[in-house]
Amino acid sequence: MDYYLWVVIFHLMAMMSWMAMLFYQPRLYVYHTEHKNKPDFVEVVKIQEYKMYKYIGLPAMWATILSGFLMISLRPDLLESGGWLYGKLFFVLVLVAYSFSLEYYRKELDKGNYPKSGSFFRAYNEVPTVLALLIVGYVVTKTFSVLFTVITLALGAFIIYKVLNQKPKDAK
């Protein structure tokens, strides 16, 4: 089982690369949306969006998922270690759906459609942080706490609400 730790290391590195994309991609959408009247700027941002998603995020997501399955296949006892793993897997699935939603928005923006505002993408940018907090919390503590989950989701919802409702700096 010496190689199990190498799989864990690979899984963590892949996850960090995936999270880097999840944290930065919505920020690029903010720039894209808020500077849509600057075609030269938008063209540069489109290239960044494409490369970030296709060359970093998508491969890292699949590497994270595959190495996670490999970890479970090498240590099937993990499935019997309590609800924490099922909580983690549930929120990983939500993170995968979030990741695919970023590709949807990237394609819409690439076509010149602006389905959401810059403030929406600012708020949307908070989602992976909340999900990562839940996932890491379960893994580190090896427990599933309803209280931790509810507090984390409530705090995340509050932060997203505040970001959505913040006034532009020039509107003071």
Protein backbone atom coordinates (compact mmCIF):
# COMPACT_ATOMS: atom_id res chain seq x y z
CA MET A 1 0.00 0.00 0.00
CA ASP A 2 3.01 2.31 -0.21
CA TYR A 3 1.71 3.61 -3.52
CA TYR A 4 -1.59 4.66 -1.89
CA LEU A 5 0.14 7.73 -0.44
CA TRP A 6 1.45 8.63 -3.90
CA VAL A 7 -2.11 8.45 -5.20
CA VAL A 8 -3.19 10.75 -2.35
CA ILE A 9 -0.43 13.21 -3.25
CA PHE A 10 -1.47 13.15 -6.92
CA HIS A 11 -5.12 13.60 -5.87
CA LEU A 12 -4.25 16.65 -3.75
CA MET A 13 -2.16 18.24 -6.50
CA ALA A 14 -4.89 17.64 -9.09
CA MET A 15 -7.48 19.07 -6.71
CA MET A 16 -5.37 22.19 -6.13
CA SER A 17 -5.08 22.75 -9.89
CA TRP A 18 -8.80 22.26 -10.37
CA MET A 19 -9.59 24.65 -7.51
CA ALA A 20 -7.26 27.27 -9.00
CA MET A 21 -9.40 27.27 -12.14
CA LEU A 22 -12.64 27.28 -10.12
CA PHE A 23 -11.44 30.31 -8.14
CA TYR A 24 -10.18 32.31 -11.13
CA GLN A 25 -12.55 31.50 -14.00
CA PRO A 26 -15.54 33.48 -12.63
CA ARG A 27 -13.21 36.45 -12.05
CA LEU A 28 -12.35 36.37 -15.75
CA TYR A 29 -16.10 36.42 -16.46
CA VAL A 30 -16.41 39.56 -14.31
CA TYR A 31 -13.73 41.26 -16.42
CA HIS A 32 -15.29 39.98 -19.65
CA THR A 33 -18.77 41.17 -18.71
CA GLU A 34 -17.78 44.53 -17.27
CA HIS A 35 -15.50 45.41 -20.20
CA LYS A 36 -17.65 44.13 -23.06
CA ASN A 37 -17.37 47.52 -24.75
CA LYS A 38 -13.57 47.03 -25.13
CA PRO A 39 -13.22 44.42 -27.92
CA ASP A 40 -9.43 44.14 -27.74
CA PHE A 41 -9.55 43.50 -24.00
CA VAL A 42 -12.39 40.99 -24.39
CA GLU A 43 -10.43 39.03 -27.00
CA VAL A 44 -7.51 38.60 -24.59
CA VAL A 45 -9.86 37.56 -21.78
CA LYS A 46 -11.56 35.01 -24.09
CA ILE A 47 -8.19 33.36 -24.71
CA GLN A 48 -7.50 33.25 -20.96
CA GLU A 49 -10.95 31.80 -20.25
CA TYR A 50 -10.52 29.09 -22.87
CA LYS A 51 -7.02 28.06 -21.82
CA MET A 52 -7.82 28.18 -18.10
CA TYR A 53 -10.83 25.91 -18.51
CA LYS A 54 -9.65 23.52 -21.24
CA TYR A 55 -5.96 23.16 -20.40
CA ILE A 56 -5.97 23.47 -16.60
CA GLY A 57 -9.43 23.05 -15.11
CA LEU A 58 -10.93 20.21 -17.11
CA PRO A 59 -7.87 17.90 -17.03
CA ALA A 60 -7.36 18.65 -13.32
CA MET A 61 -11.02 17.88 -12.58
CA TRP A 62 -10.81 14.49 -14.31
CA ALA A 63 -7.47 13.74 -12.63
CA THR A 64 -9.05 14.56 -9.26
CA ILE A 65 -12.07 12.33 -9.93
CA LEU A 66 -10.05 9.40 -11.30
CA SER A 67 -7.48 9.52 -8.51
CA GLY A 68 -10.34 9.70 -5.99
CA PHE A 69 -11.87 6.55 -7.45
CA LEU A 70 -8.45 4.92 -7.38
CA MET A 71 -8.05 5.84 -3.70
CA ILE A 72 -11.42 4.25 -2.89
CA SER A 73 -10.61 1.14 -4.92
CA LEU A 74 -7.30 0.78 -3.08
CA ARG A 75 -8.98 1.41 0.28
CA PRO A 76 -12.60 0.20 0.05
CA ASP A 77 -12.78 0.40 3.84
CA LEU A 78 -13.15 4.16 3.37
CA LEU A 79 -16.73 3.53 2.27
CA GLU A 80 -17.44 2.15 5.74
CA SER A 81 -15.76 4.98 7.65
CA GLY A 82 -18.91 6.98 8.27
CA GLY A 83 -20.92 9.67 6.58
CA TRP A 84 -18.02 12.05 6.02
CA LEU A 85 -16.99 10.37 2.74
CA TYR A 86 -20.54 10.46 1.41
CA GLY A 87 -20.81 14.14 2.38
CA LYS A 88 -17.55 14.80 0.59
CA LEU A 89 -18.65 12.90 -2.52
CA PHE A 90 -21.98 14.74 -2.60
CA PHE A 91 -20.31 18.15 -2.50
CA VAL A 92 -17.68 17.02 -5.03
CA LEU A 93 -20.59 16.23 -7.38
CA VAL A 94 -21.94 19.74 -6.77
CA LEU A 95 -18.45 21.08 -7.56
CA VAL A 96 -18.38 19.07 -10.80
CA ALA A 97 -21.75 20.54 -11.78
CA TYR A 98 -20.42 24.01 -10.92
CA SER A 99 -17.37 23.33 -13.09
CA PHE A 100 -19.55 22.38 -16.06
CA SER A 101 -21.65 25.50 -15.49
CA LEU A 102 -18.48 27.56 -15.91
CA GLU A 103 -18.01 26.00 -19.35
CA TYR A 104 -21.61 26.91 -20.23
CA TYR A 105 -21.00 30.53 -19.26
CA ARG A 106 -17.65 30.55 -21.10
CA LYS A 107 -19.32 29.43 -24.31
CA GLU A 108 -22.11 32.01 -23.94
CA LEU A 109 -19.62 34.81 -23.35
CA ASP A 110 -17.51 33.59 -26.27
CA LYS A 111 -20.57 33.97 -28.54
CA GLY A 112 -21.10 37.51 -27.28
CA ASN A 113 -24.09 36.60 -25.11
CA TYR A 114 -24.05 38.10 -21.65
CA PRO A 115 -26.45 35.92 -19.62
CA LYS A 116 -25.36 37.32 -16.24
CA SER A 117 -23.93 40.51 -14.77
CA GLY A 118 -20.51 41.15 -13.30
CA SER A 119 -22.03 41.17 -9.82
CA PHE A 120 -23.54 37.73 -10.47
CA PHE A 121 -20.11 36.36 -11.39
CA ARG A 122 -18.57 38.01 -8.31
CA ALA A 123 -21.09 36.18 -6.14
CA TYR A 124 -20.78 32.96 -8.16
CA ASN A 125 -17.05 33.11 -7.46
CA GLU A 126 -17.78 32.41 -3.78
CA VAL A 127 -19.40 29.02 -4.43
CA PRO A 128 -16.21 26.93 -4.76
CA THR A 129 -14.85 28.41 -1.54
CA VAL A 130 -17.91 27.27 0.42
CA LEU A 131 -17.84 23.82 -1.19
CA ALA A 132 -14.10 23.44 -0.60
CA LEU A 133 -14.55 24.37 3.05
CA LEU A 134 -17.16 21.64 3.44
CA ILE A 135 -15.12 19.02 1.57
CA VAL A 136 -11.87 19.76 3.41
CA GLY A 137 -13.70 19.92 6.74
CA TYR A 138 -15.13 16.44 6.25
CA VAL A 139 -11.82 14.97 5.12
CA VAL A 140 -9.73 16.47 7.90
CA THR A 141 -12.15 15.68 10.74
CA LYS A 142 -13.32 12.36 9.23
CA THR A 143 -16.81 13.23 10.47
CA PHE A 144 -20.02 14.50 8.95
CA SER A 145 -21.45 17.22 11.13
CA VAL A 146 -24.90 18.56 10.29
CA LEU A 147 -24.17 21.65 12.37
CA PHE A 148 -20.89 22.34 10.51
CA THR A 149 -22.68 21.82 7.19
CA VAL A 150 -25.59 24.12 8.03
CA ILE A 151 -23.36 26.86 9.45
CA THR A 152 -21.01 26.71 6.46
CA LEU A 153 -23.88 26.83 3.95
CA ALA A 154 -25.57 29.67 5.85
CA LEU A 155 -22.34 31.65 6.03
CA GLY A 156 -21.76 31.03 2.31
CA ALA A 157 -25.30 32.15 1.48
CA PHE A 158 -24.82 35.31 3.57
CA ILE A 159 -21.53 36.15 1.82
CA ILE A 160 -23.09 35.56 -1.61
CA TYR A 161 -26.07 37.74 -0.63
CA LYS A 162 -23.74 40.55 0.51
CA VAL A 163 -21.67 40.34 -2.69
CA LEU A 164 -24.80 40.43 -4.84
CA ASN A 165 -26.14 43.46 -3.00
CA GLN A 166 -23.01 45.54 -2.67
CA LYS A 167 -23.20 48.99 -4.21
CA PRO A 168 -20.74 49.94 -6.96
CA LYS A 169 -17.92 52.16 -5.69
CA ASP A 170 -18.99 55.06 -7.89
CA ALA A 171 -22.61 54.92 -6.59
CA LYS A 172 -21.79 56.32 -3.11
